[in-house]
């Protein structure tokens, strides 16, 4: 791999990290607001099915991102 190829990756990693940070923060904020509004601030127990559903959704999002990179011009 050439140095030029490595340099081309840097902005992609940086933008991806910033988007991931922003998405995680927004998701956590929305979760906290929902708990406060609907459960008087008491966090409900996370069920196994909920965790699996979230995991499958994350895998789907990552697969869609990978498919974007696999597209031909």
N, C-alpha and C. Protein backbone atom coordinates (compact mmCIF):
# COMPACT_ATOMS: atom_id res chain seq x y z
N UNK A 1 0.85 -1.17 0.00
CA UNK A 1 0.00 0.00 0.00
C UNK A 1 0.90 1.24 0.00
N UNK A 2 0.58 2.15 -0.87
CA UNK A 2 1.41 3.35 -0.98
C UNK A 2 1.06 4.36 0.11
N UNK A 3 1.96 5.29 0.29
CA UNK A 3 1.75 6.34 1.27
C UNK A 3 0.55 7.21 0.90
N UNK A 4 0.35 7.39 -0.40
CA UNK A 4 -0.79 8.18 -0.88
C UNK A 4 -2.11 7.53 -0.51
N UNK A 5 -2.17 6.20 -0.61
CA UNK A 5 -3.39 5.47 -0.24
C UNK A 5 -3.67 5.60 1.25
N UNK A 6 -2.60 5.54 2.05
CA UNK A 6 -2.78 5.70 3.49
C UNK A 6 -3.29 7.09 3.83
N UNK A 7 -2.75 8.09 3.17
CA UNK A 7 -3.17 9.48 3.41
C UNK A 7 -4.63 9.69 3.02
N UNK A 8 -5.09 8.98 2.00
CA UNK A 8 -6.48 9.11 1.56
C UNK A 8 -7.44 8.53 2.60
N UNK A 9 -6.99 7.60 3.41
CA UNK A 9 -7.84 6.99 4.43
C UNK A 9 -8.06 7.89 5.64
N UNK A 10 -7.09 8.73 5.94
CA UNK A 10 -7.15 9.53 7.16
C UNK A 10 -8.42 10.36 7.28
N UNK A 11 -8.82 11.12 6.26
CA UNK A 11 -10.06 11.90 6.43
C UNK A 11 -11.30 11.02 6.59
N UNK A 12 -11.29 9.85 5.96
CA UNK A 12 -12.44 8.95 6.09
C UNK A 12 -12.56 8.46 7.52
N UNK A 13 -11.44 8.05 8.12
CA UNK A 13 -11.46 7.61 9.52
C UNK A 13 -11.88 8.75 10.44
N UNK A 14 -11.36 9.93 10.19
CA UNK A 14 -11.67 11.08 11.03
C UNK A 14 -13.15 11.43 10.96
N UNK A 15 -13.69 11.50 9.76
CA UNK A 15 -15.11 11.82 9.59
C UNK A 15 -15.97 10.71 10.19
N UNK A 16 -15.60 9.46 9.97
CA UNK A 16 -16.35 8.34 10.56
C UNK A 16 -16.35 8.38 12.07
N UNK A 17 -15.20 8.72 12.66
CA UNK A 17 -15.12 8.81 14.12
C UNK A 17 -16.00 9.94 14.65
N UNK A 18 -15.98 11.08 13.97
CA UNK A 18 -16.82 12.20 14.40
C UNK A 18 -18.31 11.88 14.27
N UNK A 19 -18.68 11.23 13.17
CA UNK A 19 -20.08 10.85 12.98
C UNK A 19 -20.51 9.82 14.02
N UNK A 20 -19.64 8.87 14.33
CA UNK A 20 -19.95 7.87 15.35
C UNK A 20 -20.10 8.50 16.72
N UNK A 21 -19.22 9.45 17.04
CA UNK A 21 -19.30 10.15 18.31
C UNK A 21 -20.61 10.94 18.41
N UNK A 22 -20.93 11.66 17.34
CA UNK A 22 -22.17 12.45 17.33
C UNK A 22 -23.40 11.56 17.43
N UNK A 23 -23.41 10.46 16.68
CA UNK A 23 -24.57 9.56 16.71
C UNK A 23 -24.72 8.92 18.09
N UNK A 24 -23.61 8.53 18.70
CA UNK A 24 -23.66 7.94 20.04
C UNK A 24 -24.16 8.94 21.08
N UNK A 25 -23.68 10.17 20.98
CA UNK A 25 -24.11 11.20 21.93
C UNK A 25 -25.60 11.51 21.76
N UNK A 26 -26.04 11.66 20.52
CA UNK A 26 -27.45 11.96 20.26
C UNK A 26 -28.33 10.80 20.73
N UNK A 27 -27.91 9.56 20.45
CA UNK A 27 -28.68 8.40 20.89
C UNK A 27 -28.78 8.34 22.41
N UNK A 28 -27.68 8.59 23.10
CA UNK A 28 -27.69 8.58 24.57
C UNK A 28 -28.58 9.69 25.11
N UNK A 29 -28.51 10.85 24.51
CA UNK A 29 -29.35 11.98 24.93
C UNK A 29 -30.83 11.66 24.75
N UNK A 30 -31.18 11.07 23.61
CA UNK A 30 -32.57 10.71 23.37
C UNK A 30 -33.05 9.64 24.34
N UNK A 31 -32.17 8.69 24.67
CA UNK A 31 -32.52 7.63 25.62
C UNK A 31 -32.78 8.23 27.01
N UNK A 32 -31.89 9.11 27.46
CA UNK A 32 -32.04 9.74 28.77
C UNK A 32 -33.33 10.55 28.83
N UNK A 33 -33.61 11.32 27.77
CA UNK A 33 -34.85 12.10 27.75
C UNK A 33 -36.07 11.19 27.84
N UNK A 34 -36.04 10.09 27.11
CA UNK A 34 -37.17 9.17 27.11
C UNK A 34 -37.37 8.56 28.50
N UNK A 35 -36.28 8.17 29.15
CA UNK A 35 -36.38 7.61 30.50
C UNK A 35 -36.95 8.64 31.46
N UNK A 36 -36.48 9.88 31.38
CA UNK A 36 -36.97 10.92 32.28
C UNK A 36 -38.44 11.23 32.05
N UNK A 37 -38.87 11.27 30.80
CA UNK A 37 -40.26 11.61 30.48
C UNK A 37 -41.23 10.48 30.77
N UNK A 38 -40.81 9.24 30.53
CA UNK A 38 -41.74 8.11 30.60
C UNK A 38 -41.63 7.26 31.86
N UNK A 39 -40.50 7.33 32.56
CA UNK A 39 -40.28 6.42 33.68
C UNK A 39 -39.85 7.14 34.95
N UNK A 40 -40.12 8.41 35.05
CA UNK A 40 -39.77 9.22 36.23
C UNK A 40 -38.29 9.09 36.57
N UNK A 41 -37.44 8.98 35.56
CA UNK A 41 -36.00 8.92 35.77
C UNK A 41 -35.47 7.56 36.16
N UNK A 42 -36.34 6.55 36.28
CA UNK A 42 -35.90 5.20 36.65
C UNK A 42 -35.64 4.43 35.35
N UNK A 43 -34.40 4.03 35.17
CA UNK A 43 -34.01 3.34 33.94
C UNK A 43 -34.57 1.93 33.94
N UNK A 44 -35.30 1.54 32.87
CA UNK A 44 -35.83 0.17 32.80
C UNK A 44 -34.71 -0.83 32.54
N UNK A 45 -34.95 -2.07 32.94
CA UNK A 45 -33.98 -3.14 32.72
C UNK A 45 -33.90 -3.45 31.23
N UNK A 46 -32.70 -3.60 30.74
CA UNK A 46 -32.49 -3.95 29.34
C UNK A 46 -32.68 -5.46 29.19
N UNK A 47 -33.65 -5.84 28.42
CA UNK A 47 -33.95 -7.27 28.18
C UNK A 47 -33.02 -7.81 27.10
N UNK A 48 -32.82 -9.11 27.11
CA UNK A 48 -31.95 -9.76 26.13
C UNK A 48 -32.43 -9.51 24.71
N UNK A 49 -33.73 -9.59 24.50
CA UNK A 49 -34.29 -9.36 23.16
C UNK A 49 -34.01 -7.95 22.67
N UNK A 50 -34.07 -6.98 23.57
CA UNK A 50 -33.77 -5.59 23.20
C UNK A 50 -32.30 -5.45 22.77
N UNK A 51 -31.40 -6.08 23.53
CA UNK A 51 -29.97 -6.02 23.20
C UNK A 51 -29.70 -6.69 21.86
N UNK A 52 -30.33 -7.83 21.61
CA UNK A 52 -30.15 -8.52 20.32
C UNK A 52 -30.68 -7.69 19.17
N UNK A 53 -31.83 -7.06 19.37
CA UNK A 53 -32.43 -6.21 18.34
C UNK A 53 -31.51 -5.02 18.01
N UNK A 54 -30.96 -4.40 19.04
CA UNK A 54 -30.02 -3.29 18.82
C UNK A 54 -28.77 -3.76 18.09
N UNK A 55 -28.26 -4.92 18.49
CA UNK A 55 -27.08 -5.47 17.83
C UNK A 55 -27.32 -5.77 16.36
N UNK A 56 -28.46 -6.35 16.06
CA UNK A 56 -28.79 -6.66 14.66
C UNK A 56 -28.95 -5.38 13.84
N UNK A 57 -29.53 -4.36 14.46
CA UNK A 57 -29.67 -3.08 13.77
C UNK A 57 -28.30 -2.48 13.47
N UNK A 58 -27.38 -2.56 14.43
CA UNK A 58 -26.02 -2.04 14.22
C UNK A 58 -25.33 -2.80 13.09
N UNK A 59 -25.47 -4.11 13.07
CA UNK A 59 -24.87 -4.91 12.00
C UNK A 59 -25.44 -4.51 10.64
N UNK A 60 -26.75 -4.25 10.59
CA UNK A 60 -27.39 -3.83 9.35
C UNK A 60 -26.83 -2.49 8.87
N UNK A 61 -26.66 -1.56 9.79
CA UNK A 61 -26.10 -0.25 9.44
C UNK A 61 -24.67 -0.41 8.91
N UNK A 62 -23.85 -1.22 9.58
CA UNK A 62 -22.48 -1.43 9.12
C UNK A 62 -22.44 -2.10 7.76
N UNK A 63 -23.36 -3.01 7.52
CA UNK A 63 -23.41 -3.67 6.21
C UNK A 63 -23.78 -2.66 5.11
N UNK A 64 -24.71 -1.78 5.41
CA UNK A 64 -25.09 -0.76 4.43
C UNK A 64 -23.91 0.17 4.14
N UNK A 65 -23.14 0.51 5.16
CA UNK A 65 -21.96 1.35 4.96
C UNK A 65 -20.95 0.62 4.08
N UNK A 66 -20.76 -0.66 4.33
CA UNK A 66 -19.84 -1.46 3.52
C UNK A 66 -20.32 -1.52 2.08
N UNK A 67 -21.62 -1.66 1.87
CA UNK A 67 -22.17 -1.70 0.52
C UNK A 67 -21.92 -0.39 -0.23
N UNK A 68 -21.90 0.74 0.48
CA UNK A 68 -21.59 2.00 -0.16
C UNK A 68 -20.18 1.97 -0.76
N UNK A 69 -19.24 1.37 -0.04
CA UNK A 69 -17.87 1.28 -0.53
C UNK A 69 -17.69 0.29 -1.64
N UNK A 70 -18.62 -0.64 -1.79
CA UNK A 70 -18.51 -1.67 -2.82
C UNK A 70 -19.13 -1.25 -4.15
N UNK A 71 -19.83 -0.12 -4.14
CA UNK A 71 -20.46 0.33 -5.38
C UNK A 71 -19.43 0.68 -6.44
N UNK A 72 -19.79 0.42 -7.65
CA UNK A 72 -18.92 0.83 -8.77
C UNK A 72 -19.27 2.27 -9.15
N UNK A 73 -18.31 2.95 -9.68
CA UNK A 73 -18.51 4.35 -10.08
C UNK A 73 -19.45 4.48 -11.22
